[in-house]
Amino acid sequence: MIGGILDTTILIHLFRKYQPAIQWLNTQQQYAVTSVTWLELMEGTSNKQNQSQCKKLLSQFQILYPTSFDQQWAMQQLESFQFSHHIGKEDCLIGSVAYRLQIPLYTHNLKDLSPIIGKLAIKPYT
């Protein structure tokens, strides 16, 4: 059973071998990433070696895909919060999966995600 979804910020910490992130992940349960997060992380790679390392990291996690319901929900959130909270389409799509499944989204981006998914957005370590 999936214990939560990892946001891009958490994966970047894991990729950079940030010890608090590694320690937190090792004490927890099974996690997933959204396909949007997968794309964000892979897009941020700078070369083939970096891309290969990211792909290896991502392979540890189940990938969850947004549904048409998620897409519609994300569109509503973008319309509601784009100007007041400067929320982007990727955050809306990532948050939509957590919202539908009602499972935590672990992130260091509470500023953007809390307005749309509330307490499902959790900062797991400092």
Protein backbone atom coordinates (compact mmCIF):
# COMPACT_ATOMS: atom_id res chain seq x y z
CA MET A 1 0.00 0.00 0.00
CA ILE A 2 1.28 3.45 -0.91
CA GLY A 3 2.10 5.61 2.11
CA GLY A 4 2.23 8.82 0.13
CA ILE A 5 3.41 10.65 -2.96
CA LEU A 6 6.84 12.26 -3.23
CA ASP A 7 7.01 15.69 -4.78
CA THR A 8 9.88 16.91 -6.94
CA THR A 9 11.48 18.77 -4.02
CA ILE A 10 11.90 15.52 -2.07
CA LEU A 11 13.33 13.70 -5.08
CA ILE A 12 15.86 16.47 -5.69
CA HIS A 13 17.01 16.09 -2.09
CA LEU A 14 17.33 12.33 -2.55
CA PHE A 15 19.20 12.79 -5.82
CA ARG A 16 21.64 15.18 -4.14
CA LYS A 17 22.06 12.69 -1.27
CA TYR A 18 20.74 15.10 1.37
CA GLN A 19 21.04 13.02 4.55
CA PRO A 20 17.81 14.14 6.28
CA ALA A 21 15.87 13.07 3.15
CA ILE A 22 17.63 9.71 2.96
CA GLN A 23 17.12 9.04 6.67
CA TRP A 24 13.45 9.98 6.44
CA LEU A 25 12.83 7.80 3.41
CA ASN A 26 14.55 4.81 5.02
CA THR A 27 12.26 4.94 8.05
CA GLN A 28 9.02 5.16 6.14
CA GLN A 29 6.83 2.97 3.95
CA GLN A 30 6.26 2.55 0.21
CA TYR A 31 5.98 5.72 -1.87
CA ALA A 32 4.93 6.74 -5.34
CA VAL A 33 5.60 9.64 -7.70
CA THR A 34 3.28 11.13 -10.26
CA SER A 35 4.12 11.01 -13.94
CA VAL A 36 4.27 14.81 -13.79
CA THR A 37 6.97 14.64 -11.10
CA TRP A 38 8.83 12.04 -13.17
CA LEU A 39 8.81 14.46 -16.10
CA GLU A 40 9.92 17.42 -13.97
CA LEU A 41 12.88 15.55 -12.51
CA MET A 42 13.99 14.14 -15.85
CA GLU A 43 13.62 17.54 -17.51
CA GLY A 44 16.01 19.00 -14.96
CA THR A 45 18.88 16.68 -15.85
CA SER A 46 21.95 18.23 -17.45
CA ASN A 47 23.45 15.29 -19.33
CA LYS A 48 22.98 11.58 -20.13
CA GLN A 49 24.80 10.40 -16.99
CA ASN A 50 22.67 12.68 -14.82
CA GLN A 51 19.56 11.47 -16.64
CA SER A 52 20.52 7.84 -16.03
CA GLN A 53 21.02 8.52 -12.31
CA CYS A 54 17.61 10.22 -12.09
CA LYS A 55 15.95 7.34 -13.87
CA LYS A 56 17.54 4.89 -11.42
CA LEU A 57 16.25 6.93 -8.47
CA LEU A 58 12.77 7.16 -9.97
CA SER A 59 12.65 3.42 -10.64
CA GLN A 60 12.35 2.83 -6.88
CA PHE A 61 8.86 4.29 -6.85
CA GLN A 62 5.51 3.37 -8.33
CA ILE A 63 4.31 5.90 -10.90
CA LEU A 64 0.78 7.29 -10.56
CA TYR A 65 -0.91 8.87 -13.57
CA PRO A 66 -3.45 11.68 -13.50
CA THR A 67 -6.95 10.69 -14.61
CA SER A 68 -9.40 12.85 -16.53
CA PHE A 69 -10.99 13.70 -13.16
CA ASP A 70 -7.56 14.80 -11.89
CA GLN A 71 -7.06 16.93 -14.99
CA GLN A 72 -10.41 18.68 -14.52
CA TRP A 73 -9.72 19.22 -10.81
CA ALA A 74 -6.27 20.64 -11.62
CA MET A 75 -7.79 23.01 -14.15
CA GLN A 76 -10.23 24.29 -11.52
CA GLN A 77 -7.41 24.80 -9.02
CA LEU A 78 -5.30 26.68 -11.54
CA GLU A 79 -8.21 28.97 -12.33
CA SER A 80 -8.90 29.56 -8.64
CA PHE A 81 -5.32 30.04 -7.37
CA GLN A 82 -3.14 31.11 -10.30
CA PHE A 83 -3.18 34.81 -9.49
CA SER A 84 -3.73 34.80 -5.73
CA HIS A 85 -1.08 32.15 -4.93
CA HIS A 86 0.98 31.95 -8.17
CA ILE A 87 0.36 28.21 -8.44
CA GLY A 88 1.52 26.51 -11.64
CA LYS A 89 0.01 23.77 -13.75
CA GLU A 90 2.51 21.12 -12.62
CA ASP A 91 1.69 21.65 -8.93
CA CYS A 92 -2.02 21.47 -9.72
CA LEU A 93 -1.57 18.19 -11.58
CA ILE A 94 0.66 16.66 -8.89
CA GLY A 95 -1.73 17.78 -6.16
CA SER A 96 -4.72 16.39 -8.04
CA VAL A 97 -3.51 12.81 -7.66
CA ALA A 98 -2.99 13.22 -3.89
CA TYR A 99 -6.42 14.83 -3.63
CA ARG A 100 -8.17 12.02 -5.53
CA LEU A 101 -6.44 9.27 -3.54
CA GLN A 102 -6.59 11.24 -0.25
CA ILE A 103 -2.99 10.34 0.59
CA PRO A 104 -0.20 12.65 1.74
CA LEU A 105 1.96 14.51 -0.72
CA TYR A 106 5.41 14.93 0.82
CA THR A 107 6.96 18.19 -0.31
CA HIS A 108 9.05 21.17 0.68
CA ASN A 109 6.75 23.33 -1.46
CA LEU A 110 3.98 23.94 1.08
CA LYS A 111 3.49 27.51 -0.14
CA ASP A 112 2.09 26.30 -3.48
CA LEU A 113 0.53 22.98 -2.53
CA SER A 114 -1.20 23.73 0.80
CA PRO A 115 -3.75 26.10 -0.76
CA ILE A 116 -5.00 23.37 -3.09
CA ILE A 117 -4.72 20.18 -1.00
CA GLY A 118 -4.59 21.49 2.56
CA LYS A 119 -3.21 19.12 5.18
CA LEU A 120 -2.41 16.46 2.59
CA ALA A 121 0.69 18.56 1.82
CA ILE A 122 3.30 17.58 4.40
CA LYS A 123 6.89 18.73 4.92
CA PRO A 124 8.51 15.51 6.19
CA TYR A 125 11.90 16.82 7.40
CA THR A 126 13.89 20.03 7.63
